[in-house]
């Protein structure tokens, strides 16, 4: 009997959080590939297109880091009704970086898929 069995769900949850954190930068850069978006739009698209429900308090520090790295730039745009919105778009270095990150991610994911393939038929 495994004495840590009751801890497994928490450990799994922590692992899932780390996996999401690791891919979040790539996800945000990829969301910005086709067009500029404001923060709430980024959050909504991450949720609707990737099933990634991210709290607002997580996205803005990430966008600030990406901006400090020169991967995104921002501008305030007056909204028709309401307050101005800060829109983010990829810079040329950001476009290069997201391509590099995507290649790296795909290679990692393909390798992991090869390792996980034998588990598909295992009912354990």
Protein backbone atom coordinates (compact mmCIF):
# COMPACT_ATOMS: atom_id res chain seq x y z
CA UNK A 1 0.00 0.00 0.00
CA UNK A 2 1.29 3.46 -0.92
CA UNK A 3 1.34 5.80 2.10
CA UNK A 4 1.48 8.81 -0.24
CA UNK A 5 -1.58 7.73 -2.24
CA UNK A 6 -3.72 10.53 -0.78
CA UNK A 7 -1.14 13.09 -1.92
CA UNK A 8 -1.23 12.05 -5.57
CA UNK A 9 -4.08 14.35 -6.68
CA UNK A 10 -2.32 17.38 -5.15
CA UNK A 11 0.98 16.36 -6.71
CA UNK A 12 -0.76 15.92 -10.06
CA UNK A 13 -2.34 19.36 -9.71
CA UNK A 14 1.04 20.92 -8.96
CA UNK A 15 2.55 19.17 -11.96
CA UNK A 16 -0.28 20.42 -14.21
CA UNK A 17 0.30 23.99 -12.97
CA UNK A 18 3.99 23.72 -13.83
CA UNK A 19 3.24 22.33 -17.30
CA UNK A 20 0.81 25.20 -17.97
CA UNK A 21 3.28 27.79 -16.69
CA UNK A 22 5.94 26.35 -18.97
CA UNK A 23 3.75 26.70 -22.05
CA UNK A 24 2.00 29.95 -21.21
CA UNK A 25 4.60 32.26 -22.76
CA UNK A 26 4.47 30.31 -26.00
CA UNK A 27 0.67 30.32 -25.91
CA UNK A 28 0.49 34.10 -25.46
CA UNK A 29 2.99 34.74 -28.25
CA UNK A 30 1.08 32.35 -30.52
CA UNK A 31 -2.26 34.06 -29.74
CA UNK A 32 -0.68 37.36 -30.82
CA UNK A 33 0.67 35.94 -34.10
CA UNK A 34 -2.20 37.04 -36.37
CA UNK A 35 -3.18 40.34 -34.76
CA UNK A 36 -2.88 42.76 -31.88
CA UNK A 37 -5.11 42.07 -28.87
CA UNK A 38 -5.80 43.63 -25.49
CA UNK A 39 -5.31 41.69 -22.26
CA UNK A 40 -8.87 40.47 -21.74
CA UNK A 41 -9.06 39.30 -25.36
CA UNK A 42 -5.87 37.32 -24.85
CA UNK A 43 -7.37 35.65 -21.78
CA UNK A 44 -10.62 34.85 -23.60
CA UNK A 45 -8.83 33.33 -26.58
CA UNK A 46 -6.52 31.27 -24.41
CA UNK A 47 -9.64 29.87 -22.77
CA UNK A 48 -11.73 29.35 -25.92
CA UNK A 49 -8.99 28.16 -28.29
CA UNK A 50 -6.71 26.26 -25.93
CA UNK A 51 -8.81 25.48 -22.86
CA UNK A 52 -6.37 27.48 -20.76
CA UNK A 53 -8.25 29.36 -18.07
CA UNK A 54 -5.72 31.90 -16.80
CA UNK A 55 -6.39 34.44 -14.05
CA UNK A 56 -5.99 38.12 -14.94
CA UNK A 57 -3.32 38.46 -12.28
CA UNK A 58 -1.13 36.04 -14.23
CA UNK A 59 -1.38 37.47 -17.73
CA UNK A 60 -0.34 41.07 -17.11
CA UNK A 61 2.98 40.30 -15.40
CA UNK A 62 3.73 37.87 -18.24
CA UNK A 63 2.93 40.52 -20.86
CA UNK A 64 5.20 42.95 -19.00
CA UNK A 65 8.06 40.42 -19.07
CA UNK A 66 7.51 39.75 -22.77
CA UNK A 67 7.55 43.49 -23.40
CA UNK A 68 10.76 43.95 -21.36
CA UNK A 69 12.34 41.18 -23.47
CA UNK A 70 11.36 43.05 -26.64
CA UNK A 71 9.07 40.27 -27.84
CA UNK A 72 5.86 42.31 -27.71
CA UNK A 73 5.04 45.98 -27.83
CA UNK A 74 1.96 47.76 -26.57
CA UNK A 75 -0.09 50.83 -27.31
CA UNK A 76 -3.09 52.45 -25.71
CA UNK A 77 -6.11 52.66 -28.01
CA UNK A 78 -9.23 54.69 -27.25
CA UNK A 79 -12.32 52.51 -27.10
CA UNK A 80 -15.58 53.69 -28.67
CA UNK A 81 -17.39 53.32 -25.38
CA UNK A 82 -15.52 53.09 -22.15
CA UNK A 83 -11.88 53.39 -21.18
CA UNK A 84 -8.81 53.05 -23.42
CA UNK A 85 -7.38 49.57 -23.86
CA UNK A 86 -3.76 48.50 -23.98
CA UNK A 87 -3.19 46.41 -27.10
CA UNK A 88 -0.24 44.06 -27.48
CA UNK A 89 1.38 42.89 -30.70
CA UNK A 90 4.41 40.83 -31.60
CA UNK A 91 7.63 42.60 -32.54
CA UNK A 92 9.87 41.13 -35.25
CA UNK A 93 12.08 39.53 -32.56
CA UNK A 94 8.87 38.20 -30.99
CA UNK A 95 7.83 36.63 -34.28
CA UNK A 96 11.23 34.95 -34.61
CA UNK A 97 11.13 33.77 -30.98
CA UNK A 98 7.64 32.25 -31.21
CA UNK A 99 8.73 30.29 -34.30
CA UNK A 100 11.81 29.01 -32.45
CA UNK A 101 9.76 28.16 -29.38
CA UNK A 102 7.17 26.34 -31.50
CA UNK A 103 9.85 24.17 -33.11
CA UNK A 104 11.32 23.34 -29.72
CA UNK A 105 7.89 22.61 -28.22
CA UNK A 106 6.91 20.33 -31.11
CA UNK A 107 10.16 18.36 -30.87
CA UNK A 108 9.66 17.95 -27.12
CA UNK A 109 6.00 16.95 -27.53
CA UNK A 110 6.79 14.43 -30.28
CA UNK A 111 9.45 12.81 -28.12
CA UNK A 112 7.09 12.66 -25.17
CA UNK A 113 4.34 11.18 -27.36
CA UNK A 114 6.73 8.40 -28.42
CA UNK A 115 7.44 7.64 -24.77
CA UNK A 116 3.75 7.67 -23.86
CA UNK A 117 2.59 5.53 -26.81
CA UNK A 118 3.00 2.20 -24.95
CA UNK A 119 0.65 3.44 -22.20
CA UNK A 120 -2.34 3.71 -24.55
CA UNK A 121 -3.15 0.01 -24.44
CA UNK A 122 -2.32 -0.37 -20.74
CA UNK A 123 -5.53 -0.44 -18.62
CA UNK A 124 -3.59 0.29 -15.39
